[in-house]
Structure formats: C-alpha cells, structure tokens
C-alpha atoms as a PDB file:
ATOM      1  CA  MET A   1     -19.918   4.662  -6.649  1.00  0.00           C
ATOM      2  CA  ARG A   2     -16.487   5.621  -7.312  1.00  0.00           C
ATOM      3  CA  ALA A   3     -13.347   4.328  -6.072  1.00  0.00           C
ATOM      4  CA  SER A   4     -10.573   6.210  -4.268  1.00  0.00           C
ATOM      5  CA  GLN A   5      -8.462   7.466  -7.212  1.00  0.00           C
ATOM      6  CA  THR A   6      -5.075   6.875  -5.285  1.00  0.00           C
ATOM      7  CA  SER A   7      -6.147   2.970  -4.656  1.00  0.00           C
ATOM      8  CA  ILE A   8      -6.626   2.628  -8.795  1.00  0.00           C
ATOM      9  CA  TRP A   9      -2.966   4.572  -9.177  1.00  0.00           C
ATOM     10  CA  ALA A  10      -1.833   2.227  -6.771  1.00  0.00           C
ATOM     11  CA  ALA A  11      -2.883  -1.045  -8.862  1.00  0.00           C
ATOM     12  CA  ALA A  12      -2.029   0.546 -11.951  1.00  0.00           C
ATOM     13  CA  ALA A  13       1.792   1.330 -10.560  1.00  0.00           C
ATOM     14  CA  ARG A  14       1.590  -2.447  -9.447  1.00  0.00           C
ATOM     15  CA  ALA A  15       0.496  -3.548 -13.157  1.00  0.00           C
ATOM     16  CA  VAL A  16       2.877  -1.821 -14.805  1.00  0.00           C
ATOM     17  CA  GLY A  17       5.922  -3.018 -12.474  1.00  0.00           C
ATOM     18  CA  ALA A  18       4.482  -6.528 -13.079  1.00  0.00           C
ATOM     19  CA  ARG A  19       5.304  -6.024 -16.582  1.00  0.00           C
ATOM     20  CA  GLU A  20       9.206  -6.103 -15.772  1.00  0.00           C
ATOM     21  CA  PRO A  21      10.697  -8.900 -17.797  1.00  0.00           C
ATOM     22  CA  ASP A  22      13.419  -9.840 -14.741  1.00  0.00           C
ATOM     23  CA  PRO A  23      11.827 -12.148 -12.192  1.00  0.00           C
ATOM     24  CA  ARG A  24      14.282 -10.762  -9.711  1.00  0.00           C
ATOM     25  CA  VAL A  25      12.605  -6.843 -10.091  1.00  0.00           C
ATOM     26  CA  ARG A  26       9.187  -7.610 -11.205  1.00  0.00           C
ATOM     27  CA  ASN A  27       6.307  -6.721  -9.061  1.00  0.00           C
ATOM     28  CA  PRO A  28       4.918 -10.064  -7.938  1.00  0.00           C
ATOM     29  CA  ASP A  29       1.050  -8.693  -8.287  1.00  0.00           C
ATOM     30  CA  TRP A  30       0.211 -10.641 -11.326  1.00  0.00           C
ATOM     31  CA  LEU A  31      -3.434  -9.761 -10.945  1.00  0.00           C
ATOM     32  CA  ALA A  32      -3.089  -6.092 -10.416  1.00  0.00           C
ATOM     33  CA  GLU A  33      -4.093  -5.339 -14.108  1.00  0.00           C
ATOM     34  CA  ARG A  34      -6.888  -7.700 -14.263  1.00  0.00           C
ATOM     35  CA  PHE A  35      -8.623  -5.486 -11.107  1.00  0.00           C
ATOM     36  CA  ILE A  36      -8.544  -2.310 -12.936  1.00  0.00           C
ATOM     37  CA  GLY A  37     -11.485  -2.484 -15.108  1.00  0.00           C
ATOM     38  CA  PRO A  38     -12.935   0.287 -17.469  1.00  0.00           C
ATOM     39  CA  GLU A  39     -14.835   2.033 -14.667  1.00  0.00           C
ATOM     40  CA  GLU A  40     -11.490   2.294 -12.753  1.00  0.00           C
ATOM     41  CA  ARG A  41      -9.393   3.558 -15.850  1.00  0.00           C
ATOM     42  CA  ALA A  42     -12.135   6.097 -16.735  1.00  0.00           C
ATOM     43  CA  VAL A  43     -11.569   7.635 -13.218  1.00  0.00           C
ATOM     44  CA  LEU A  44      -7.745   7.900 -13.858  1.00  0.00           C
ATOM     45  CA  ALA A  45      -7.832   7.977 -17.411  1.00  0.00           C
ATOM     46  CA  ASP A  46      -5.788  11.313 -17.831  1.00  0.00           C
ATOM     47  CA  HIS A  47      -2.943   9.918 -16.001  1.00  0.00           C
ATOM     48  CA  PRO A  48       0.307   8.349 -17.992  1.00  0.00           C
ATOM     49  CA  LEU A  49      -0.116   5.008 -15.754  1.00  0.00           C
ATOM     50  CA  ILE A  50      -3.417   4.127 -17.240  1.00  0.00           C
ATOM     51  CA  ALA A  51      -1.981   5.029 -21.193  1.00  0.00           C
ATOM     52  CA  ALA A  52       0.987   2.436 -20.039  1.00  0.00           C
ATOM     53  CA  LEU A  53      -1.003  -0.197 -19.709  1.00  0.00           C
ATOM     54  CA  ASP A  54      -1.585  -0.058 -23.233  1.00  0.00           C
ATOM     55  CA  ALA A  55       1.895   0.332 -24.442  1.00  0.00           C
ATOM     56  CA  PRO A  56       4.866  -2.455 -24.834  1.00  0.00           C
ATOM     57  CA  PHE A  57       6.759  -2.057 -21.584  1.00  0.00           C
ATOM     58  CA  ASP A  58      10.022  -0.682 -23.003  1.00  0.00           C
ATOM     59  CA  GLN A  59       8.292   2.227 -24.468  1.00  0.00           C
ATOM     60  CA  VAL A  60       7.143   3.589 -21.021  1.00  0.00           C
ATOM     61  CA  GLN A  61      10.748   3.179 -19.046  1.00  0.00           C
ATOM     62  CA  THR A  62      11.440   6.903 -19.804  1.00  0.00           C
ATOM     63  CA  ASN A  63       8.566   8.398 -18.543  1.00  0.00           C
ATOM     64  CA  MET A  64       9.191   9.089 -15.109  1.00  0.00           C
ATOM     65  CA  GLU A  65       5.310   9.544 -13.940  1.00  0.00           C
ATOM     66  CA  VAL A  66       5.451   5.814 -14.777  1.00  0.00           C
ATOM     67  CA  VAL A  67       8.255   4.577 -13.702  1.00  0.00           C
ATOM     68  CA  GLY A  68       8.539   6.555 -10.419  1.00  0.00           C
ATOM     69  CA  PRO A  69       5.153   4.996  -9.140  1.00  0.00           C
ATOM     70  CA  ALA A  70       5.673   1.561 -10.365  1.00  0.00           C
ATOM     71  CA  ARG A  71       9.485   1.535  -8.731  1.00  0.00           C
ATOM     72  CA  LEU A  72       7.995   2.684  -5.606  1.00  0.00           C
ATOM     73  CA  LEU A  73       5.180  -0.045  -5.692  1.00  0.00           C
ATOM     74  CA  ILE A  74       7.632  -2.835  -6.425  1.00  0.00           C
ATOM     75  CA  SER A  75       9.525  -2.413  -3.196  1.00  0.00           C
ATOM     76  CA  ARG A  76       6.266  -1.822  -1.440  1.00  0.00           C
ATOM     77  CA  THR A  77       4.405  -4.703  -2.552  1.00  0.00           C
ATOM     78  CA  ARG A  78       7.584  -6.852  -2.065  1.00  0.00           C
ATOM     79  CA  PHE A  79       8.597  -5.611   1.170  1.00  0.00           C
ATOM     80  CA  ILE A  80       4.859  -6.467   2.468  1.00  0.00           C
ATOM     81  CA  ASP A  81       4.404  -9.805   0.857  1.00  0.00           C
ATOM     82  CA  ASP A  82       7.653 -11.058   2.481  1.00  0.00           C
ATOM     83  CA  ARG A  83       6.461 -10.017   5.629  1.00  0.00           C
ATOM     84  CA  PHE A  84       2.810 -11.462   4.844  1.00  0.00           C
ATOM     85  CA  GLU A  85       4.570 -14.917   3.589  1.00  0.00           C
ATOM     86  CA  ALA A  86       6.622 -15.181   6.864  1.00  0.00           C
ATOM     87  CA  ALA A  87       3.409 -14.782   9.042  1.00  0.00           C
ATOM     88  CA  LEU A  88       1.634 -17.415   6.937  1.00  0.00           C
ATOM     89  CA  TYR A  89       4.736 -19.744   7.705  1.00  0.00           C
ATOM     90  CA  ASP A  90       4.870 -18.748  11.318  1.00  0.00           C
ATOM     91  CA  GLY A  91       1.038 -20.150  11.676  1.00  0.00           C
ATOM     92  CA  THR A  92      -0.249 -16.646  11.778  1.00  0.00           C
ATOM     93  CA  GLY A  93      -4.320 -17.537  11.105  1.00  0.00           C
ATOM     94  CA  GLN A  94      -5.685 -14.061  10.928  1.00  0.00           C
ATOM     95  CA  PHE A  95      -4.830 -11.171   8.506  1.00  0.00           C
ATOM     96  CA  ILE A  96      -6.644  -7.750   8.527  1.00  0.00           C
ATOM     97  CA  ILE A  97      -5.993  -5.257   5.256  1.00  0.00           C
ATOM     98  CA  MET A  98      -7.148  -2.070   6.402  1.00  0.00           C
ATOM     99  CA  GLY A  99      -7.855   0.200   3.184  1.00  0.00           C
ATOM    100  CA  ALA A 100      -7.774  -2.422   1.287  1.00  0.00           C
ATOM    101  CA  GLY A 101      -8.128  -0.602  -2.057  1.00  0.00           C
ATOM    102  CA  PHE A 102      -7.540  -2.984  -4.773  1.00  0.00           C
ATOM    103  CA  ASP A 103      -4.999  -5.247  -2.970  1.00  0.00           C
ATOM    104  CA  THR A 104      -5.105  -8.690  -4.317  1.00  0.00           C
ATOM    105  CA  ARG A 105      -3.084 -10.736  -1.358  1.00  0.00           C
ATOM    106  CA  ALA A 106      -6.133 -12.715  -0.443  1.00  0.00           C
ATOM    107  CA  TYR A 107      -6.405 -13.857  -3.759  1.00  0.00           C
ATOM    108  CA  ARG A 108      -2.869 -14.319  -4.769  1.00  0.00           C
ATOM    109  CA  PHE A 109      -2.009 -16.430  -1.833  1.00  0.00           C
ATOM    110  CA  ALA A 110      -5.484 -18.347  -1.744  1.00  0.00           C
ATOM    111  CA  GLN A 111      -4.087 -21.678  -1.502  1.00  0.00           C
ATOM    112  CA  GLN A 112      -1.599 -20.593   1.443  1.00  0.00           C
ATOM    113  CA  LEU A 113      -4.715 -18.817   3.061  1.00  0.00           C
ATOM    114  CA  ALA A 114      -6.953 -22.138   2.607  1.00  0.00           C
ATOM    115  CA  HIS A 115      -7.202 -22.319   6.466  1.00  0.00           C
ATOM    116  CA  ALA A 116      -6.794 -18.693   7.448  1.00  0.00           C
ATOM    117  CA  HIS A 117      -9.348 -15.559   7.872  1.00  0.00           C
ATOM    118  CA  VAL A 118      -8.877 -12.515   5.806  1.00  0.00           C
ATOM    119  CA  ILE A 119     -10.862  -9.431   6.614  1.00  0.00           C
ATOM    120  CA  GLU A 120     -10.727  -6.777   3.962  1.00  0.00           C
ATOM    121  CA  VAL A 121     -11.303  -3.293   5.363  1.00  0.00           C
ATOM    122  CA  ASP A 122     -12.407  -0.192   3.366  1.00  0.00           C
ATOM    123  CA  GLN A 123     -14.697   2.662   2.594  1.00  0.00           C
ATOM    124  CA  PRO A 124     -18.157   1.353   1.503  1.00  0.00           C
ATOM    125  CA  ASP A 125     -17.878   2.714  -2.037  1.00  0.00           C
ATOM    126  CA  THR A 126     -14.596   1.476  -2.748  1.00  0.00           C
ATOM    127  CA  GLN A 127     -15.366  -1.886  -1.406  1.00  0.00           C
ATOM    128  CA  ARG A 128     -18.393  -2.162  -3.548  1.00  0.00           C
ATOM    129  CA  LEU A 129     -16.174  -1.825  -6.534  1.00  0.00           C
ATOM    130  CA  LYS A 130     -13.544  -4.113  -5.338  1.00  0.00           C
ATOM    131  CA  VAL A 131     -16.505  -6.838  -4.666  1.00  0.00           C
ATOM    132  CA  GLU A 132     -17.483  -6.264  -8.060  1.00  0.00           C
ATOM    133  CA  ARG A 133     -14.383  -6.790  -9.551  1.00  0.00           C
ATOM    134  CA  VAL A 134     -13.360  -9.816  -7.366  1.00  0.00           C
ATOM    135  CA  ARG A 135     -16.482 -11.639  -8.849  1.00  0.00           C
ATOM    136  CA  LYS A 136     -15.477 -10.479 -12.133  1.00  0.00           C
ATOM    137  CA  VAL A 137     -11.592 -11.605 -12.164  1.00  0.00           C
ATOM    138  CA  MET A 138     -12.036 -14.681  -9.801  1.00  0.00           C
ATOM    139  CA  GLY A 139     -15.684 -15.820 -10.605  1.00  0.00           C
ATOM    140  CA  ASP A 140     -16.799 -15.705  -7.157  1.00  0.00           C
ATOM    141  CA  LEU A 141     -15.927 -14.460  -3.527  1.00  0.00           C
ATOM    142  CA  PRO A 142     -13.459 -16.702  -1.923  1.00  0.00           C
ATOM    143  CA  ALA A 143     -14.501 -18.450   1.220  1.00  0.00           C
ATOM    144  CA  HIS A 144     -11.504 -17.323   3.323  1.00  0.00           C
ATOM    145  CA  VAL A 145     -12.307 -13.565   2.713  1.00  0.00           C
ATOM    146  CA  THR A 146     -14.817 -11.415   4.717  1.00  0.00           C
ATOM    147  CA  TYR A 147     -15.765  -7.856   3.628  1.00  0.00           C
ATOM    148  CA  ALA A 148     -16.016  -5.307   6.203  1.00  0.00           C
ATOM    149  CA  PRO A 149     -17.262  -1.631   4.595  1.00  0.00           C
ATOM    150  CA  ILE A 150     -16.620   0.658   7.120  1.00  0.00           C
ATOM    151  CA  ASP A 151     -17.791   4.327   7.141  1.00  0.00           C
ATOM    152  CA  PHE A 152     -15.592   5.923   9.922  1.00  0.00           C
ATOM    153  CA  THR A 153     -17.667   8.875  10.226  1.00  0.00           C
ATOM    154  CA  LYS A 154     -20.570   6.550  11.759  1.00  0.00           C
ATOM    155  CA  ALA A 155     -18.808   3.108  13.184  1.00  0.00           C
ATOM    156  CA  SER A 156     -15.596   2.495  14.758  1.00  0.00           C
ATOM    157  CA  LEU A 157     -12.616   0.096  13.295  1.00  0.00           C
ATOM    158  CA  GLY A 158     -13.573  -1.940  16.519  1.00  0.00           C
ATOM    159  CA  ASP A 159     -17.427  -2.439  15.685  1.00  0.00           C
ATOM    160  CA  GLY A 160     -16.602  -2.925  12.090  1.00  0.00           C
ATOM    161  CA  LEU A 161     -14.071  -5.888  12.599  1.00  0.00           C
ATOM    162  CA  ALA A 162     -16.565  -7.359  15.066  1.00  0.00           C
ATOM    163  CA  ALA A 163     -19.025  -7.518  12.753  1.00  0.00           C
ATOM    164  CA  ALA A 164     -16.853  -9.215  10.333  1.00  0.00           C
ATOM    165  CA  GLY A 165     -15.758 -12.011  13.047  1.00  0.00           C
ATOM    166  CA  TYR A 166     -12.550 -10.498  13.895  1.00  0.00           C
ATOM    167  CA  ASN A 167     -11.282 -13.114  16.445  1.00  0.00           C
ATOM    168  CA  PRO A 168      -9.201 -10.976  19.014  1.00  0.00           C
ATOM    169  CA  PRO A 169      -7.369 -14.275  20.866  1.00  0.00           C
ATOM    170  CA  SER A 170      -5.863 -15.143  17.185  1.00  0.00           C
ATOM    171  CA  ARG A 171      -2.677 -13.897  15.954  1.00  0.00           C
ATOM    172  CA  THR A 172      -3.197 -11.559  13.761  1.00  0.00           C
ATOM    173  CA  PHE A 173      -0.968  -9.732  10.809  1.00  0.00           C
ATOM    174  CA  PHE A 174      -2.412  -6.562   9.541  1.00  0.00           C
ATOM    175  CA  ILE A 175      -1.710  -4.381   6.811  1.00  0.00           C
ATOM    176  CA  TRP A 176      -2.152  -0.608   6.319  1.00  0.00           C
ATOM    177  CA  GLU A 177      -0.884   0.073   3.073  1.00  0.00           C
ATOM    178  CA  GLY A 178      -0.820   3.476   1.709  1.00  0.00           C
ATOM    179  CA  VAL A 179      -3.157   5.165   4.297  1.00  0.00           C
ATOM    180  CA  THR A 180      -1.399   6.754   7.261  1.00  0.00           C
ATOM    181  CA  MET A 181      -0.191   9.722   5.590  1.00  0.00           C
ATOM    182  CA  TYR A 182      -4.224  10.792   4.845  1.00  0.00           C
ATOM    183  CA  LEU A 183      -5.155  10.685   8.166  1.00  0.00           C
ATOM    184  CA  PRO A 184      -4.950  12.839  11.078  1.00  0.00           C
ATOM    185  CA  ALA A 185      -2.393  12.129  13.707  1.00  0.00           C
ATOM    186  CA  ASP A 186      -5.034  11.273  16.231  1.00  0.00           C
ATOM    187  CA  SER A 187      -6.685   8.716  13.892  1.00  0.00           C
ATOM    188  CA  VAL A 188      -3.421   6.974  13.515  1.00  0.00           C
ATOM    189  CA  ARG A 189      -2.188   6.812  16.975  1.00  0.00           C
ATOM    190  CA  ASP A 190      -5.788   5.506  18.199  1.00  0.00           C
ATOM    191  CA  THR A 191      -6.002   2.731  15.413  1.00  0.00           C
ATOM    192  CA  LEU A 192      -2.595   1.699  16.276  1.00  0.00           C
ATOM    193  CA  ARG A 193      -3.294   2.038  20.131  1.00  0.00           C
ATOM    194  CA  TRP A 194      -7.020  -0.204  19.369  1.00  0.00           C
ATOM    195  CA  ILE A 195      -4.498  -2.900  17.632  1.00  0.00           C
ATOM    196  CA  ALA A 196      -2.158  -3.174  20.251  1.00  0.00           C
ATOM    197  CA  THR A 197      -5.113  -3.800  22.736  1.00  0.00           C
ATOM    198  CA  ASN A 198      -7.051  -5.797  20.729  1.00  0.00           C
ATOM    199  CA  ALA A 199      -4.395  -8.255  19.249  1.00  0.00           C
ATOM    200  CA  PRO A 200      -2.766 -10.883  21.220  1.00  0.00           C
ATOM    201  CA  SER A 201       0.802 -10.332  22.037  1.00  0.00           C
ATOM    202  CA  GLY A 202       3.144 -11.083  18.490  1.00  0.00           C
ATOM    203  CA  SER A 203       0.869  -9.991  16.408  1.00  0.00           C
ATOM    204  CA  SER A 204       2.375  -7.694  13.750  1.00  0.00           C
ATOM    205  CA  ILE A 205       1.431  -4.497  11.514  1.00  0.00           C
ATOM    206  CA  VAL A 206       2.883  -3.171   8.587  1.00  0.00           C
ATOM    207  CA  PHE A 207       2.541   0.237   7.186  1.00  0.00           C
ATOM    208  CA  ASP A 208       4.263   2.669   5.082  1.00  0.00           C
ATOM    209  CA  TYR A 209       4.756   6.322   6.162  1.00  0.00           C
ATOM    210  CA  THR A 210       6.603   9.774   5.391  1.00  0.00           C
ATOM    211  CA  TYR A 211       7.973  12.468   8.212  1.00  0.00           C
ATOM    212  CA  ASP A 212       6.580  15.166   9.383  1.00  0.00           C
ATOM    213  CA  SER A 213       9.273  17.358   7.611  1.00  0.00           C
ATOM    214  CA  ILE A 214       8.063  15.952   4.229  1.00  0.00           C
ATOM    215  CA  ILE A 215       4.575  16.951   5.231  1.00  0.00           C
ATOM    216  CA  GLN A 216       5.853  20.452   5.851  1.00  0.00           C
ATOM    217  CA  MET A 217       8.054  20.610   2.719  1.00  0.00           C
ATOM    218  CA  ILE A 218       4.638  19.820   0.669  1.00  0.00           C
ATOM    219  CA  LYS A 219       2.883  22.420   1.945  1.00  0.00           C
ATOM    220  CA  THR A 220       5.436  25.151   1.285  1.00  0.00           C
ATOM    221  CA  LEU A 221       6.293  24.031  -1.879  1.00  0.00           C
ATOM    222  CA  ASP A 222       6.796  26.429  -4.714  1.00  0.00           C
ATOM    223  CA  LEU A 223       5.380  24.675  -7.842  1.00  0.00           C
ATOM    224  CA  GLU A 224       7.207  27.507 -10.304  1.00  0.00           C
ATOM    225  CA  LYS A 225      10.716  26.807  -9.220  1.00  0.00           C
ATOM    226  CA  LEU A 226      10.587  23.188 -10.164  1.00  0.00           C
ATOM    227  CA  PRO A 227      11.790  22.254 -13.807  1.00  0.00           C
ATOM    228  CA  ASP A 228       8.866  22.103 -16.458  1.00  0.00           C
ATOM    229  CA  VAL A 229       8.784  17.825 -16.152  1.00  0.00           C
ATOM    230  CA  ALA A 230       8.882  17.893 -12.466  1.00  0.00           C
ATOM    231  CA  ARG A 231       6.291  20.786 -12.262  1.00  0.00           C
ATOM    232  CA  ARG A 232       4.017  18.828 -14.401  1.00  0.00           C
ATOM    233  CA  ALA A 233       4.255  15.676 -12.505  1.00  0.00           C
ATOM    234  CA  ALA A 234       3.810  17.529  -9.254  1.00  0.00           C
ATOM    235  CA  LEU A 235       0.438  19.377 -10.772  1.00  0.00           C
ATOM    236  CA  ARG A 236      -0.515  15.993 -11.850  1.00  0.00           C
ATOM    237  CA  LEU A 237       0.057  14.378  -8.242  1.00  0.00           C
ATOM    238  CA  SER A 238      -2.037  17.552  -6.466  1.00  0.00           C
ATOM    239  CA  LYS A 239      -4.950  16.965  -8.865  1.00  0.00           C
ATOM    240  CA  LEU A 240      -4.716  13.180  -7.869  1.00  0.00           C
ATOM    241  CA  THR A 241      -4.615  13.793  -4.386  1.00  0.00           C
ATOM    242  CA  ALA A 242      -6.929  17.176  -4.294  1.00  0.00           C
ATOM    243  CA  ASN A 243      -9.551  14.811  -1.905  1.00  0.00           C
ATOM    244  CA  GLU A 244      -7.008  12.630  -0.215  1.00  0.00           C
ATOM    245  CA  PRO A 245      -4.185  15.236   0.703  1.00  0.00           C
ATOM    246  CA  TRP A 246      -1.089  13.804   2.532  1.00  0.00           C
ATOM    247  CA  ILE A 247      -1.372  15.349   6.152  1.00  0.00           C
ATOM    248  CA  PHE A 248       0.293  13.066   8.535  1.00  0.00           C
ATOM    249  CA  GLY A 249       3.995  12.106   8.918  1.00  0.00           C
ATOM    250  CA  LEU A 250       5.701  10.389  11.891  1.00  0.00           C
ATOM    251  CA  PRO A 251       8.518  12.381  13.811  1.00  0.00           C
ATOM    252  CA  ASP A 252      11.635  12.471  11.675  1.00  0.00           C
ATOM    253  CA  GLN A 253      13.713   9.368  12.555  1.00  0.00           C
ATOM    254  CA  LYS A 254      11.742   8.491  15.736  1.00  0.00           C
ATOM    255  CA  GLU A 255       9.756   5.578  14.726  1.00  0.00           C
ATOM    256  CA  GLU A 256      10.468   3.889  17.790  1.00  0.00           C
ATOM    257  CA  GLU A 257       9.612   6.818  20.100  1.00  0.00           C
ATOM    258  CA  PHE A 258       6.220   7.398  18.362  1.00  0.00           C
ATOM    259  CA  LEU A 259       5.191   3.254  18.468  1.00  0.00           C
ATOM    260  CA  SER A 260       6.304   2.424  21.698  1.00  0.00           C
ATOM    261  CA  PRO A 261       3.833   4.163  23.840  1.00  0.00           C
ATOM    262  CA  LEU A 262       1.305   2.635  21.271  1.00  0.00           C
ATOM    263  CA  GLY A 263       2.136  -1.048  22.353  1.00  0.00           C
ATOM    264  CA  PHE A 264       4.489  -1.558  19.540  1.00  0.00           C
ATOM    265  CA  GLN A 265       8.248  -2.554  19.008  1.00  0.00           C
ATOM    266  CA  VAL A 266       9.991  -1.689  15.606  1.00  0.00           C
ATOM    267  CA  ARG A 267      10.989  -5.094  13.842  1.00  0.00           C
ATOM    268  CA  ASP A 268      12.307  -3.928  10.669  1.00  0.00           C
ATOM    269  CA  ILE A 269      12.493  -0.571   8.767  1.00  0.00           C
ATOM    270  CA  MET A 270      12.891   0.312   4.903  1.00  0.00           C
ATOM    271  CA  GLY A 271      13.332   3.377   2.761  1.00  0.00           C
ATOM    272  CA  MET A 272      11.773   3.074  -0.568  1.00  0.00           C
ATOM    273  CA  SER A 273      14.682   4.557  -2.142  1.00  0.00           C
ATOM    274  CA  SER A 274      17.206   3.300   0.320  1.00  0.00           C
ATOM    275  CA  ARG A 275      20.575   0.880  -0.480  1.00  0.00           C
ATOM    276  CA  GLU A 276      18.410  -2.139   1.256  1.00  0.00           C
ATOM    277  CA  ALA A 277      15.221  -1.412  -1.501  1.00  0.00           C
ATOM    278  CA  VAL A 278      17.561  -1.170  -4.301  1.00  0.00           C
ATOM    279  CA  GLU A 279      19.680  -3.912  -3.782  1.00  0.00           C
ATOM    280  CA  LYS A 280      17.077  -6.240  -2.563  1.00  0.00           C
ATOM    281  CA  TYR A 281      14.153  -5.405  -5.080  1.00  0.00           C
ATOM    282  CA  LEU A 282      15.101  -3.244  -7.620  1.00  0.00           C
ATOM    283  CA  THR A 283      18.244  -4.369  -9.210  1.00  0.00           C
ATOM    284  CA  ARG A 284      18.083  -6.740 -12.038  1.00  0.00           C
ATOM    285  CA  THR A 285      20.318  -9.826 -12.643  1.00  0.00           C
ATOM    286  CA  ASP A 286      22.074  -7.776 -14.962  1.00  0.00           C
ATOM    287  CA  GLY A 287      22.874  -4.978 -12.373  1.00  0.00           C
ATOM    288  CA  THR A 288      20.966  -2.334 -13.883  1.00  0.00           C
ATOM    289  CA  ILE A 289      18.693  -0.634 -11.816  1.00  0.00           C
ATOM    290  CA  PHE A 290      14.624  -0.230 -12.427  1.00  0.00           C
ATOM    291  CA  GLY A 291      14.133   3.516 -13.369  1.00  0.00           C
ATOM    292  CA  GLY A 292      17.893   3.973 -13.448  1.00  0.00           C
ATOM    293  CA  MET A 293      18.189   5.605 -10.034  1.00  0.00           C
ATOM    294  CA  PRO A 294      20.695   4.719  -7.567  1.00  0.00           C
ATOM    295  CA  ALA A 295      19.840   4.405  -3.713  1.00  0.00           C
ATOM    296  CA  ALA A 296      19.478   7.854  -1.850  1.00  0.00           C
ATOM    297  CA  ASP A 297      20.568   8.945   1.219  1.00  0.00           C
ATOM    298  CA  ARG A 298      17.938  10.837   2.669  1.00  0.00           C
ATOM    299  CA  GLN A 299      14.508   8.759   2.729  1.00  0.00           C
ATOM    300  CA  ALA A 300      11.253  10.401   2.315  1.00  0.00           C
ATOM    301  CA  TYR A 301       8.883   7.723   1.925  1.00  0.00           C
ATOM    302  CA  LEU A 302       9.635   4.442   4.070  1.00  0.00           C
ATOM    303  CA  ILE A 303       7.857   1.638   5.307  1.00  0.00           C
ATOM    304  CA  LEU A 304       8.192  -0.778   8.544  1.00  0.00           C
ATOM    305  CA  GLU A 305       6.831  -3.584  10.467  1.00  0.00           C
ATOM    306  CA  ALA A 306       5.869  -3.597  14.139  1.00  0.00           C
ATOM    307  CA  VAL A 307       5.336  -6.345  16.534  1.00  0.00           C
ATOM    308  CA  SER A 308       2.561  -5.802  19.287  1.00  0.00           C
ATOM    309  CA  GLY A 309       3.417  -6.708  23.141  1.00  0.00           C
END
C-alpha cells in the first residue's frame, strides 16, 4: 500500500510553507506536517522537502527545490481556502474533494463543516493511508466526512459518489487540486461535464492547471542545456512524476472557451506567479517576497474557480 508520490510532495510543500513566521504569507495548512508520517517520509526520502521538515526554516530558504514548491503551495492553498470559506458562508452544504490526497480542509475547518457533508474521493491505496493518518492525528474519523475510494478503471465518479451519499440537489463546492495535468483530455472534459450535469446551478469548482504549450515544452525539454542547479531539480521532478507525468493542459489563455461548452462559467483565474498571487499571498509585512521572486508576466501554472449553470 503506497500513496501517490505527488500527494506527499504537495503535503510536504504545504508543511514547509506553514513554518513561515509571517502570518500574512504563511501557508494555513497547520495540519500538513502531522499528516506526513514515517511511511510517507520514506516514499519521498531523497527529496529536499523531506529533509527541510527537520531543519530550521531559515536554513532551507536558499534551496529552490524547497522554496519553489512551498511558494506554489502557499498560493494554491490560500486561493482554494478563500473560495472554500466563501462557499461555507454562502450556505453551501456539500463539499467534494476529488483526488484528495492528504488534503486537510475537512479537519482544519471541522467546526464550520459540522452541519455540512464532505466527500473525499481518491484512489484506494492513497485513501487507505489517508484514513490511517486521520485516525492517528485526529483520534477518530469525523462524522461529517465520507471517504469514497474509487478505482477509476472499474468505476465512474458518479457511481463512487452515489455510494458515498452524494446528494444531487444540494449546491456543491468541488475541489480538484493537483489532478487535471495528470489526466487524459477526455477524462478532464468528462469529469467537468458530469459535475455540470449532476450538481445544481450555482455549484462551483476550483482546479489548478497548466497550458497545452507547457505540456509540449516539457516533452521537448533538453535537460542538458539547463544550468546544473536547474538540471538537478528537473531530473528530481522527472523522477517524482515518472509514474504520474503531466499530459494535459488547457488551450492557452482560452479557459472560457474550454469550459463554456462543458456547462461552466469562469468566475476567477489566478496565475501562481502573477502579480495578484505575489501581492495577495506571497508578500510579507516587511515587503519581502517569499522565495525572493517577483511576479512573472507569463503564467505556466494557474488556478481558477468556475460556476455551473
């Protein structure tokens, strides 16, 4: 039984970001590090993110294989948290976390979710480890969470959610974090179309993605032409994603054209290295920027919220 390497990578990146001293920038996932047990550390033992968990925060801030992922996950986590909380305050009563991995929102927001229903969807092996970790960290499985292990080679999202008590008439907030780039294009479209058809108007989804041009660039990237530090990082990332390669990207800057035929309207888009992300999520009280990198003009990795109906 082995969890997805990328799900552990993301949890470790959130844990590093949660050590940031400045609350204006700090990753709010204070539970992430507690969800990374010995088994998860062993799976990713050779990655600098794991070593960073045992080092003082100020000693790891110059390692871009640590700071880079932590920076991305600060923006990603806080963007989703903001929309998650807005949905809660707006009266949404059903939350579906697809490809949940070591997502902790059902536990970090347990009090606010007391009268809501959360369904966590994931591959069976990853979810079994997640459930074990929840029991060890939280003491018990919370009543407001249902776990839906789905082997997508044998069952559909609809069947899995139905078995987990999904209520189609209830306005729903879907989180699809760290997933789309690993799926075939048809699977991405089918999932979004299913949600738009089986959730009431006004339901929303948040998901992160890259562009097709980035997928094509990855396919043709010549690692030998990269500087040594960048090449080592790229090789480590290639190893990390060997069994989970990035294969899908949205048409470049055509989010609305992609989503509209599937039943969605774009509500908000943010590039992870955009001016909005840097100013809103990555700039400390003293004006310094987490990771030291200013906003970029071109975005290769983004996140959006879209509304059905």
